[in-house]
Amino acid sequence: MPDIPFDNTYARLPEQFFARQEPARVPQPQCIRINPGLAASLGIDADWLASPDGVAMLAGNLIPDGAEPLAQAYAGHQFGGFSPRLGDGRAILLGELVDTAGVRRDLQLKGSGRTPFSRGGDGKAALGPVLREYILSEAMAALGVPTTRALAAVTTGETILRQDGPLPGAMFTRVAASHIRVGTFQYFAAQRDTEAVRQLADYAIARHYPQILDSKDASCRYAALLKSVVAAQAELVAHWMSLGFIHGVMNTDNTAISGETIDYGPCAFMDAFHPQCVFSSIDVQGRYAWGNQANIAHWNVTRLAETLLPLLDEKSDNATRIAEALLAGFSDDFGTRYMSRFRAKFGLGESAPGEIIQRGLSLIADQQVDFTLFFRHLTGVAAGGNPETLAAMFTDKAPFEAWLSQWRETAPDPTQALPAMRAANPVVIARNHRVEQAIQAAYAGDYAPFHRLTDALADPYAEDEKRADLELPPTPDEMVHETFCGT
C-alpha cells in the first residue's frame, strides 16, 4: 500500500465534534471509475486506487495507515424546519490530505454504513445517486464552479432496499475543501455551547480564510469570517444561476462554509427556462426554485450569523447590529456578481443597462426557450453567424426580433465580447435526461453511457461533433420532470 500522508486536523478537535466510526465492510467491491487527475493532485497513485487494495479502501474494507475514520456532527434547517441533530448518517471522513497545490482536502466515503447519526437509516448508497453525484460534481468542476469533487465510484456487491425496490449498492469517494457547514455551527449553538462555536470558528478561519488571522481583535476576526462566507455564497449562487443550475435542497446542512457546492441530491440543470423552475421531488412548495436561490442563500447565512452573535460582541444589541450590517451587503454583492456573469453571457459591456438582460430572460421564460442553447446560439450570432437558428427557438418571432434589434445596438464589437461569451456559455451540460439514461443503463449493467457523458462534461466549452447528441434538449418522451434525493 502506498503511503498516503494523512494529516487529520478535524480529528484533533474535541470529540463532541464527531463520532469515531469505521466504515461497514462490504462483500464484493468493484471499481466503476477513478478520477486520475484528481488523484494526482492529491498525490495518490490512480493505478493503485484501481487495484484490489485501492478498491478495498474506496469501499471501506481497508483502512489505510494514518486515516482516522469519523462521522461529523451537525444540525440544520431542512426546508425551513430546524433539526438540532443530523450529522453524517451515511458518510465517513477517512481523513485529510494536503494536495500538490498546498490546499487541505477532506477524503470522505459516502454510503459507508450506519453511524450514530443515521437516525434509523441503513447508511448505504444505491448505484444511481452515486453515479449522479460523480457526474454532476465533475461537471460543475469543469464549468469552474466551486464544488466538492469525485475521486471514485465503486459498487459494493450489496442489495440496497429503497422505496422503488431493491437496488445495487455503491460507494462514492468525495473530496472537499472541508465538510464544515452552516449546520455545524448550528449544532453547537443549539446546545448553547459558545466555546464550541468559538473553537469551530477559529478552525474554519484557519482552514478557509487564513488572511483573517492578521486581525488581532478576536471579535473582528469572527465578523470577517461571516463577511467571507456571505461573499462566498453570493458568488457561488450567482455562478449557479448563470448556468441554469438548481441545487434543489439548499438546507443549512448543505451550505458549506468554504463556498463549495455540496450534496448533489435532487439538483438539475434547466432545459426550458423558467425562474420558478423546480425539479426536486421533495421541494413541493418550490422553496428552492432557480429564482429563489439568492434569497435562500441570504437566509442561510443569516442562520450562520445567529450562531456567531456571542462572538461578535459581548452586548447582544451591538452583536446584532454588526451582523445585520454584514448581512445587508449580501444583496448588493450578489447583484453585482449576478449581473457581471449575465453581462458576459449576453456579450454586453459593464455599462450596458440591466434592462436588456431582464428583457432577454423574460423573453426566453415566456416562450420556454432552452436556456443553454439560447446562449450558445446567441454566441454564434455574435460571432457573425446566421440568426435564423436562434430565431427558430421562438414561436412568437415579433418580440424576439425587437429584443435582438436592441441587443445588436447595445452589444459591443463582437471581437471584444466573444471571448467572455464563449467562456460563460457552455456547449454541453449535464442534462437531466442524459444523466438518467446513464443511470438506467448502469442499472442494466452497461456503464458506457456514464463514462461517455462524464468524459464529455470534462470539456464543456468545446464543440465536438462526436458528442453533438449530448448537447440537445430532451425530446418529449425523454423529459425528466422530477429528481430525487439519494437517501
Protein backbone atom coordinates (compact mmCIF):
# COMPACT_ATOMS: atom_id res chain seq x y z
CA MET A 1 0.00 0.00 0.00
CA PRO A 2 1.40 3.43 -0.88
CA ASP A 3 1.98 5.95 1.86
CA ILE A 4 -0.98 8.37 1.98
CA PRO A 5 0.16 11.37 4.04
CA PHE A 6 -2.93 11.97 6.15
CA ASP A 7 -2.88 15.00 8.43
CA ASN A 8 -6.20 14.94 10.25
CA THR A 9 -6.81 18.30 11.89
CA TYR A 10 -10.57 17.85 12.36
CA ALA A 11 -9.94 14.67 14.35
CA ARG A 12 -7.90 16.78 16.81
CA LEU A 13 -10.91 18.89 17.74
CA PRO A 14 -12.89 17.96 20.88
CA GLU A 15 -14.78 14.73 20.49
CA GLN A 16 -18.22 16.35 20.65
CA PHE A 17 -17.49 17.48 17.08
CA PHE A 18 -17.73 13.94 15.72
CA ALA A 19 -18.15 10.24 16.43
CA ARG A 20 -15.28 7.90 15.66
CA GLN A 21 -16.69 5.28 13.33
CA GLU A 22 -15.16 2.84 10.86
CA PRO A 23 -16.98 2.11 7.58
CA ALA A 24 -19.04 -1.07 7.35
CA ARG A 25 -17.41 -3.87 5.39
CA VAL A 26 -18.96 -4.81 2.05
CA PRO A 27 -18.95 -8.21 0.34
CA GLN A 28 -17.66 -7.65 -3.19
CA PRO A 29 -16.41 -4.19 -4.14
CA GLN A 30 -15.68 -3.46 -7.77
CA CYS A 31 -14.36 -0.30 -9.39
CA ILE A 32 -16.62 1.76 -11.65
CA ARG A 33 -14.41 4.81 -12.23
CA ILE A 34 -11.32 6.50 -10.82
CA ASN A 35 -10.59 10.20 -11.36
CA PRO A 36 -6.86 10.13 -12.28
CA GLY A 37 -6.39 13.89 -12.49
CA LEU A 38 -7.84 14.46 -9.04
CA ALA A 39 -5.88 11.51 -7.65
CA ALA A 40 -2.65 13.01 -9.00
CA SER A 41 -3.44 16.38 -7.40
CA LEU A 42 -3.82 14.57 -4.07
CA GLY A 43 -0.55 12.72 -4.51
CA ILE A 44 -2.31 9.34 -4.74
CA ASP A 45 -1.44 6.80 -7.43
CA ALA A 46 -4.54 6.33 -9.58
CA ASP A 47 -3.37 2.89 -10.73
CA TRP A 48 -3.16 1.81 -7.11
CA LEU A 49 -6.66 3.14 -6.46
CA ALA A 50 -7.93 0.85 -9.24
CA SER A 51 -6.08 -2.15 -7.77
CA PRO A 52 -7.79 -4.60 -5.39
CA ASP A 53 -6.28 -2.89 -2.33
CA GLY A 54 -7.24 0.55 -3.64
CA VAL A 55 -10.80 -0.52 -4.32
CA ALA A 56 -10.94 -2.11 -0.88
CA MET A 57 -10.02 1.28 0.61
CA LEU A 58 -12.60 3.09 -1.52
CA ALA A 59 -15.23 0.62 -0.33
CA GLY A 60 -14.28 0.96 3.33
CA ASN A 61 -12.87 -2.58 3.66
CA LEU A 62 -9.30 -1.39 4.13
CA ILE A 63 -8.37 1.49 6.41
CA PRO A 64 -5.03 2.97 5.34
CA ASP A 65 -2.36 3.92 7.83
CA GLY A 66 -2.90 7.42 9.15
CA ALA A 67 -6.63 7.51 8.49
CA GLU A 68 -8.88 8.37 11.43
CA PRO A 69 -12.42 7.50 10.33
CA LEU A 70 -15.16 9.64 11.84
CA ALA A 71 -18.69 10.88 11.27
CA GLN A 72 -19.13 14.63 11.71
CA ALA A 73 -21.85 16.13 13.88
CA TYR A 74 -24.08 18.91 12.58
CA ALA A 75 -27.62 20.24 12.73
CA GLY A 76 -29.61 22.06 10.07
CA HIS A 77 -32.69 23.78 8.79
CA GLN A 78 -34.30 21.42 6.28
CA PHE A 79 -36.93 23.20 4.17
CA GLY A 80 -37.17 25.79 6.92
CA GLY A 81 -37.64 23.38 9.82
CA PHE A 82 -34.80 23.02 12.32
CA SER A 83 -33.34 19.65 13.27
CA PRO A 84 -30.87 20.01 16.16
CA ARG A 85 -29.09 16.70 15.43
CA LEU A 86 -28.38 15.47 11.91
CA GLY A 87 -24.73 14.59 11.24
CA ASP A 88 -23.10 12.18 8.81
CA GLY A 89 -25.66 9.41 8.67
CA ARG A 90 -24.11 7.62 5.71
CA ALA A 91 -20.67 9.12 5.31
CA ILE A 92 -17.29 8.63 6.95
CA LEU A 93 -14.45 11.14 6.82
CA LEU A 94 -11.34 8.99 6.31
CA GLY A 95 -9.01 11.90 6.87
CA GLU A 96 -7.34 14.95 5.34
CA LEU A 97 -4.58 15.43 2.79
CA VAL A 98 -2.66 18.49 1.69
CA ASP A 99 -2.74 18.43 -2.12
CA THR A 100 0.05 19.35 -4.52
CA ALA A 101 -1.14 22.98 -4.53
CA GLY A 102 -0.85 23.15 -0.74
CA VAL A 103 -4.62 23.05 -0.18
CA ARG A 104 -6.03 20.87 2.59
CA ARG A 105 -8.68 18.41 1.38
CA ASP A 106 -11.10 16.03 3.07
CA LEU A 107 -11.35 12.45 1.82
CA GLN A 108 -14.82 11.13 2.58
CA LEU A 109 -16.66 7.88 1.82
CA LYS A 110 -20.40 8.19 1.13
CA GLY A 111 -22.61 5.14 1.50
CA SER A 112 -20.29 3.65 4.11
CA GLY A 113 -22.89 2.30 6.56
CA ARG A 114 -24.59 3.28 9.78
CA THR A 115 -23.20 5.86 12.16
CA PRO A 116 -24.53 7.29 15.43
CA PHE A 117 -26.21 9.95 13.25
CA SER A 118 -28.08 7.59 10.90
CA ARG A 119 -31.47 8.13 12.57
CA GLY A 120 -32.71 4.64 11.67
CA GLY A 121 -31.35 4.64 8.12
CA ASP A 122 -29.11 1.94 6.67
CA GLY A 123 -26.26 4.36 5.92
CA LYS A 124 -25.86 2.90 2.46
CA ALA A 125 -26.00 4.37 -1.04
CA ALA A 126 -27.59 2.96 -4.16
CA LEU A 127 -25.81 2.98 -7.51
CA GLY A 128 -27.92 5.73 -9.11
CA PRO A 129 -27.22 8.52 -6.59
CA VAL A 130 -23.51 7.66 -6.59
CA LEU A 131 -23.29 7.98 -10.37
CA ARG A 132 -25.36 11.15 -10.26
CA GLU A 133 -23.03 12.82 -7.77
CA TYR A 134 -19.99 11.73 -9.76
CA ILE A 135 -21.39 13.17 -12.99
CA LEU A 136 -22.71 16.42 -11.51
CA SER A 137 -19.78 17.29 -9.26
CA GLU A 138 -17.23 16.75 -12.01
CA ALA A 139 -19.39 18.66 -14.49
CA MET A 140 -19.51 21.61 -12.10
CA ALA A 141 -15.76 21.47 -11.55
CA ALA A 142 -15.16 21.62 -15.31
CA LEU A 143 -17.52 24.61 -15.53
CA GLY A 144 -15.36 26.41 -12.97
CA VAL A 145 -17.92 26.31 -10.16
CA PRO A 146 -16.53 25.83 -6.63
CA THR A 147 -17.53 22.29 -5.76
CA THR A 148 -16.74 19.08 -3.96
CA ARG A 149 -15.12 16.57 -6.30
CA ALA A 150 -15.46 12.91 -7.23
CA LEU A 151 -12.38 10.77 -6.66
CA ALA A 152 -14.00 7.40 -7.28
CA ALA A 153 -17.17 5.34 -7.53
CA VAL A 154 -17.33 1.64 -6.68
CA THR A 155 -20.05 -0.97 -6.38
CA THR A 156 -20.26 -2.93 -3.14
CA GLY A 157 -21.88 -6.22 -4.10
CA GLU A 158 -24.80 -5.46 -1.80
CA THR A 159 -28.50 -5.02 -2.49
CA ILE A 160 -29.97 -1.80 -1.10
CA LEU A 161 -33.66 -1.55 -0.33
CA ARG A 162 -35.36 1.70 -1.33
CA GLN A 163 -38.94 2.79 -1.97
CA ASP A 164 -38.62 1.82 -5.62
CA GLY A 165 -37.36 -1.66 -4.73
CA PRO A 166 -34.01 -3.44 -4.38
CA LEU A 167 -31.05 -1.65 -5.99
CA PRO A 168 -27.35 -2.40 -6.31
CA GLY A 169 -25.23 -0.75 -3.64
CA ALA A 170 -22.36 1.60 -4.34
CA MET A 171 -19.97 3.99 -2.61
CA PHE A 172 -18.70 7.41 -3.61
CA THR A 173 -15.41 8.98 -2.58
CA ARG A 174 -15.82 12.72 -2.16
CA VAL A 175 -13.04 15.28 -1.93
CA ALA A 176 -13.84 18.64 -0.34
CA ALA A 177 -12.07 21.71 0.98
CA SER A 178 -13.88 20.66 4.16
CA HIS A 179 -17.29 19.41 5.23
CA ILE A 180 -17.96 22.26 7.67
CA ARG A 181 -21.48 23.52 7.13
CA VAL A 182 -23.70 26.28 8.48
CA GLY A 183 -25.40 23.39 10.23
CA THR A 184 -22.16 22.50 12.01
CA PHE A 185 -22.24 25.88 13.74
CA GLN A 186 -25.96 25.43 14.43
CA TYR A 187 -25.32 22.11 16.15
CA PHE A 188 -23.31 23.76 18.93
CA ALA A 189 -25.32 26.98 19.04
CA ALA A 190 -28.47 24.93 19.66
CA GLN A 191 -26.75 23.46 22.72
CA ARG A 192 -25.71 26.97 23.85
CA ASP A 193 -22.11 25.76 23.69
CA THR A 194 -20.48 29.09 22.85
CA GLU A 195 -17.00 27.74 23.46
CA ALA A 196 -17.52 25.01 20.84
CA VAL A 197 -18.83 27.62 18.37
CA ARG A 198 -15.68 29.65 19.05
CA GLN A 199 -13.44 26.63 18.51
CA LEU A 200 -15.23 25.81 15.27
CA ALA A 201 -14.99 29.40 14.07
CA ASP A 202 -11.27 29.53 14.85
CA TYR A 203 -10.79 26.25 12.97
CA ALA A 204 -12.82 27.45 9.95
CA ILE A 205 -10.86 30.72 9.81
CA ALA A 206 -7.51 28.95 9.93
CA ARG A 207 -8.56 26.42 7.31
CA HIS A 208 -10.52 28.53 4.83
CA TYR A 209 -9.84 32.20 5.44
CA PRO A 210 -6.36 32.41 6.99
CA GLN A 211 -5.94 36.03 5.89
CA ILE A 212 -8.38 36.89 8.68
CA LEU A 213 -5.80 35.80 11.26
CA ASP A 214 -3.94 39.07 10.69
CA SER A 215 -6.58 40.80 12.83
CA LYS A 216 -5.55 40.93 16.48
CA ASP A 217 -9.11 41.69 17.61
CA ALA A 218 -10.98 38.38 18.05
CA SER A 219 -14.42 39.88 17.50
CA CYS A 220 -13.18 41.43 14.25
CA ARG A 221 -11.98 38.01 13.13
CA TYR A 222 -15.43 36.49 13.64
CA ALA A 223 -17.08 39.39 11.82
CA ALA A 224 -14.59 38.86 8.98
CA LEU A 225 -15.50 35.15 8.91
CA LEU A 226 -19.17 36.00 8.48
CA LYS A 227 -18.34 38.55 5.80
CA SER A 228 -16.21 36.00 3.95
CA VAL A 229 -18.90 33.32 4.00
CA VAL A 230 -21.53 35.85 2.86
CA ALA A 231 -19.31 36.78 -0.11
CA ALA A 232 -18.54 33.15 -0.96
CA GLN A 233 -22.22 32.20 -1.00
CA ALA A 234 -23.16 35.25 -3.08
CA GLU A 235 -20.53 34.32 -5.68
CA LEU A 236 -21.49 30.63 -5.66
CA VAL A 237 -25.21 31.16 -6.18
CA ALA A 238 -24.66 33.79 -8.89
CA HIS A 239 -22.49 31.26 -10.70
CA TRP A 240 -25.13 28.53 -10.32
CA MET A 241 -27.86 30.72 -11.69
CA SER A 242 -25.81 31.85 -14.69
CA LEU A 243 -25.62 28.20 -15.73
CA GLY A 244 -29.30 27.41 -15.15
CA PHE A 245 -28.38 25.18 -12.19
CA ILE A 246 -30.87 24.43 -9.42
CA HIS A 247 -29.39 22.90 -6.27
CA GLY A 248 -32.76 21.60 -5.15
CA VAL A 249 -32.05 21.19 -1.44
CA MET A 250 -30.37 24.35 -0.10
CA ASN A 251 -30.74 23.39 3.54
CA THR A 252 -28.30 24.89 6.03
CA ASP A 253 -26.67 21.47 6.43
CA ASN A 254 -25.94 21.63 2.69
CA THR A 255 -24.36 25.11 2.87
CA ALA A 256 -20.59 24.77 3.05
CA ILE A 257 -18.55 27.40 4.89
CA SER A 258 -15.89 27.03 2.19
CA GLY A 259 -18.26 28.26 -0.54
CA GLU A 260 -18.22 24.95 -2.39
CA THR A 261 -21.29 23.28 -3.87
CA ILE A 262 -22.01 20.26 -1.71
CA ASP A 263 -24.55 17.40 -1.78
CA TYR A 264 -25.80 16.70 -5.29
CA GLY A 265 -29.13 15.11 -4.48
CA PRO A 266 -32.16 16.37 -6.41
CA CYS A 267 -30.18 19.03 -8.30
CA ALA A 268 -30.67 19.75 -12.01
CA PHE A 269 -29.75 21.97 -14.90
CA MET A 270 -32.77 23.57 -16.53
CA ASP A 271 -33.72 22.82 -20.10
CA ALA A 272 -36.56 25.24 -20.88
CA PHE A 273 -36.04 28.38 -18.84
CA HIS A 274 -38.43 29.48 -16.13
CA PRO A 275 -37.46 31.42 -12.98
CA GLN A 276 -39.67 29.25 -10.76
CA CYS A 277 -38.37 26.00 -12.23
CA VAL A 278 -38.18 23.16 -9.67
CA PHE A 279 -37.16 19.53 -10.19
CA SER A 280 -36.72 18.20 -6.67
CA SER A 281 -39.49 15.75 -5.76
CA ILE A 282 -39.30 16.86 -2.12
CA ASP A 283 -39.47 20.61 -2.81
CA VAL A 284 -43.25 20.64 -3.10
CA GLN A 285 -43.56 24.35 -2.24
CA GLY A 286 -40.85 25.49 -4.68
CA ARG A 287 -38.73 26.88 -1.84
CA TYR A 288 -35.52 26.18 -3.74
CA ALA A 289 -36.61 27.15 -7.26
CA TRP A 290 -34.00 28.68 -9.60
CA GLY A 291 -35.16 32.23 -8.94
CA ASN A 292 -35.35 31.79 -5.16
CA GLN A 293 -31.78 30.64 -4.63
CA ALA A 294 -30.28 34.04 -3.81
CA ASN A 295 -32.90 34.72 -1.14
CA ILE A 296 -32.35 31.29 0.36
CA ALA A 297 -28.57 31.77 0.42
CA HIS A 298 -29.14 35.04 2.30
CA TRP A 299 -31.49 33.23 4.70
CA ASN A 300 -28.88 30.51 5.27
CA VAL A 301 -26.02 32.90 6.06
CA THR A 302 -28.38 34.74 8.40
CA ARG A 303 -28.68 31.49 10.33
CA LEU A 304 -24.88 31.37 10.48
CA ALA A 305 -24.84 34.94 11.79
CA GLU A 306 -27.18 33.94 14.60
CA THR A 307 -24.70 31.32 15.80
CA LEU A 308 -21.85 33.85 15.80
CA LEU A 309 -23.62 36.59 17.75
CA PRO A 310 -21.97 35.75 21.10
CA LEU A 311 -18.56 36.03 19.40
CA LEU A 312 -19.24 39.35 17.66
CA ASP A 313 -19.77 41.40 20.82
CA GLU A 314 -20.48 40.79 24.48
CA LYS A 315 -23.52 43.06 24.23
CA SER A 316 -26.29 41.41 22.25
CA ASP A 317 -27.54 44.67 20.73
CA ASN A 318 -24.09 45.50 19.40
CA ALA A 319 -23.63 41.96 18.08
CA THR A 320 -26.95 42.16 16.26
CA ARG A 321 -26.03 45.48 14.65
CA ILE A 322 -22.71 44.09 13.46
CA ALA A 323 -24.37 41.01 11.98
CA GLU A 324 -27.14 42.98 10.30
CA ALA A 325 -24.62 45.33 8.69
CA LEU A 326 -22.65 42.41 7.27
CA LEU A 327 -25.76 40.59 6.06
CA ALA A 328 -27.05 43.75 4.41
CA GLY A 329 -24.14 43.53 2.00
CA PHE A 330 -25.35 40.23 0.56
CA SER A 331 -27.91 41.69 -1.85
CA ASP A 332 -25.52 44.18 -3.43
CA ASP A 333 -22.73 41.61 -3.54
CA PHE A 334 -24.94 39.01 -5.17
CA GLY A 335 -26.47 41.54 -7.57
CA THR A 336 -23.07 42.71 -8.75
CA ARG A 337 -21.83 39.16 -9.33
CA TYR A 338 -25.08 38.05 -10.99
CA MET A 339 -25.09 41.00 -13.40
CA SER A 340 -21.42 40.51 -14.22
CA ARG A 341 -22.00 36.90 -15.16
CA PHE A 342 -25.09 37.64 -17.22
CA ARG A 343 -23.41 40.56 -18.98
CA ALA A 344 -20.75 38.09 -20.08
CA LYS A 345 -23.39 35.59 -21.21
CA PHE A 346 -25.19 38.24 -23.27
CA GLY A 347 -21.95 39.72 -24.60
CA LEU A 348 -22.60 43.11 -23.02
CA GLY A 349 -20.18 45.63 -21.58
CA GLU A 350 -20.15 46.82 -17.99
CA SER A 351 -22.00 49.99 -18.95
CA ALA A 352 -24.85 48.15 -20.68
CA PRO A 353 -28.23 48.66 -18.97
CA GLY A 354 -29.51 45.72 -16.94
CA GLU A 355 -32.90 46.19 -18.58
CA ILE A 356 -31.82 44.39 -21.76
CA ILE A 357 -30.72 41.39 -19.70
CA GLN A 358 -34.03 41.26 -17.84
CA ARG A 359 -35.96 41.61 -21.11
CA GLY A 360 -33.95 38.78 -22.63
CA LEU A 361 -34.56 36.47 -19.68
CA SER A 362 -38.26 37.36 -19.63
CA LEU A 363 -38.45 36.61 -23.34
CA ILE A 364 -36.98 33.13 -23.07
CA ALA A 365 -39.08 32.45 -19.96
CA ASP A 366 -42.30 33.50 -21.68
CA GLN A 367 -41.62 31.21 -24.63
CA GLN A 368 -39.98 28.39 -22.62
CA VAL A 369 -36.78 28.52 -24.65
CA ASP A 370 -33.91 26.18 -23.79
CA PHE A 371 -31.57 28.16 -21.52
CA THR A 372 -28.23 26.69 -22.60
CA LEU A 373 -28.98 26.55 -26.33
CA PHE A 374 -30.26 30.14 -26.38
CA PHE A 375 -26.95 31.45 -25.13
CA ARG A 376 -24.93 29.17 -27.40
CA HIS A 377 -26.87 30.36 -30.46
CA LEU A 378 -26.62 33.98 -29.30
CA THR A 379 -22.85 33.48 -29.11
CA GLY A 380 -22.99 32.20 -32.67
CA VAL A 381 -24.80 35.36 -33.78
CA ALA A 382 -22.16 37.48 -32.04
CA ALA A 383 -19.54 35.56 -34.00
CA GLY A 384 -21.24 36.58 -37.24
CA GLY A 385 -23.41 33.51 -37.72
CA ASN A 386 -26.87 33.41 -39.23
CA PRO A 387 -29.51 34.41 -36.64
CA GLU A 388 -32.10 32.04 -38.13
CA THR A 389 -31.10 29.18 -35.81
CA LEU A 390 -31.62 31.44 -32.81
CA ALA A 391 -34.89 32.83 -34.18
CA ALA A 392 -36.21 29.30 -34.76
CA MET A 393 -36.24 28.74 -30.99
CA PHE A 394 -39.11 31.26 -30.63
CA THR A 395 -42.70 30.53 -31.57
CA ASP A 396 -43.62 34.22 -31.41
CA LYS A 397 -40.99 35.94 -33.54
CA ALA A 398 -42.02 39.59 -33.13
CA PRO A 399 -40.88 40.13 -29.52
CA PHE A 400 -37.71 38.21 -30.24
CA GLU A 401 -36.88 40.35 -33.29
CA ALA A 402 -37.49 43.51 -31.26
CA TRP A 403 -35.22 42.31 -28.48
CA LEU A 404 -32.50 41.17 -30.90
CA SER A 405 -32.51 44.58 -32.56
CA GLN A 406 -31.99 46.24 -29.17
CA TRP A 407 -29.26 43.73 -28.31
CA ARG A 408 -27.41 44.49 -31.55
CA GLU A 409 -27.49 48.19 -30.76
CA THR A 410 -26.22 47.62 -27.21
CA ALA A 411 -23.66 44.84 -27.62
CA PRO A 412 -20.06 45.93 -28.16
CA ASP A 413 -17.84 44.87 -31.05
CA PRO A 414 -18.14 41.03 -31.23
CA THR A 415 -14.36 40.68 -31.22
CA GLN A 416 -14.41 42.17 -27.73
CA ALA A 417 -17.44 40.25 -26.46
CA LEU A 418 -16.79 36.79 -27.91
CA PRO A 419 -14.09 35.52 -25.53
CA ALA A 420 -16.24 36.35 -22.50
CA MET A 421 -19.37 34.91 -24.13
CA ARG A 422 -17.66 31.66 -25.03
CA ALA A 423 -16.23 31.35 -21.53
CA ALA A 424 -19.66 31.98 -19.96
CA ASN A 425 -21.81 29.78 -22.20
CA PRO A 426 -21.09 26.04 -22.14
CA VAL A 427 -21.79 23.85 -25.13
CA VAL A 428 -22.65 20.75 -23.12
CA ILE A 429 -24.16 20.48 -19.64
CA ALA A 430 -25.28 17.55 -17.52
CA ARG A 431 -28.81 17.47 -18.87
CA ASN A 432 -31.26 15.59 -16.69
CA HIS A 433 -32.34 13.10 -19.32
CA ARG A 434 -28.74 12.17 -20.16
CA VAL A 435 -27.90 11.67 -16.50
CA GLU A 436 -30.98 9.49 -16.08
CA GLN A 437 -30.16 7.48 -19.20
CA ALA A 438 -26.64 6.87 -17.90
CA ILE A 439 -28.02 5.71 -14.55
CA GLN A 440 -30.60 3.39 -16.06
CA ALA A 441 -28.02 1.87 -18.41
CA ALA A 442 -25.74 1.24 -15.42
CA TYR A 443 -28.54 -0.49 -13.56
CA ALA A 444 -28.74 -2.79 -16.58
CA GLY A 445 -25.00 -3.41 -16.40
CA ASP A 446 -23.86 -1.00 -19.12
CA TYR A 447 -21.55 1.77 -17.88
CA ALA A 448 -20.61 3.07 -21.33
CA PRO A 449 -23.18 5.94 -21.30
CA PHE A 450 -21.95 7.02 -17.84
CA HIS A 451 -18.32 7.11 -18.98
CA ARG A 452 -19.15 8.84 -22.26
CA LEU A 453 -21.20 11.54 -20.54
CA THR A 454 -18.59 12.10 -17.82
CA ASP A 455 -15.84 12.38 -20.43
CA ALA A 456 -17.84 14.90 -22.48
CA LEU A 457 -18.61 17.06 -19.46
CA ALA A 458 -14.91 17.35 -18.66
CA ASP A 459 -14.59 19.80 -21.60
CA PRO A 460 -17.91 21.65 -21.56
CA TYR A 461 -16.96 24.66 -23.69
CA ALA A 462 -15.61 22.75 -26.69
CA GLU A 463 -17.68 21.92 -29.74
CA ASP A 464 -17.34 18.29 -30.83
CA GLU A 465 -19.48 16.62 -33.50
CA LYS A 466 -18.95 13.24 -31.85
CA ARG A 467 -20.96 14.33 -28.83
CA ALA A 468 -23.48 16.59 -30.57
CA ASP A 469 -26.35 14.42 -29.29
CA LEU A 470 -25.38 15.24 -25.69
CA GLU A 471 -25.86 18.95 -26.39
CA LEU A 472 -29.52 18.60 -27.37
CA PRO A 473 -32.51 19.14 -25.08
CA PRO A 474 -34.77 16.16 -24.41
CA THR A 475 -37.50 15.04 -26.73
CA PRO A 476 -40.95 14.94 -25.08
CA ASP A 477 -40.59 11.26 -24.20
CA GLU A 478 -37.10 11.85 -22.71
CA MET A 479 -38.02 14.70 -20.38
CA VAL A 480 -37.24 14.31 -16.68
CA HIS A 481 -39.79 16.19 -14.59
CA GLU A 482 -38.54 15.23 -11.13
CA THR A 483 -35.21 14.49 -9.48
CA PHE A 484 -34.87 12.59 -6.24
CA CYS A 485 -32.79 12.65 -3.08
CA GLY A 486 -30.45 9.69 -2.75
CA THR A 487 -31.41 8.76 0.81
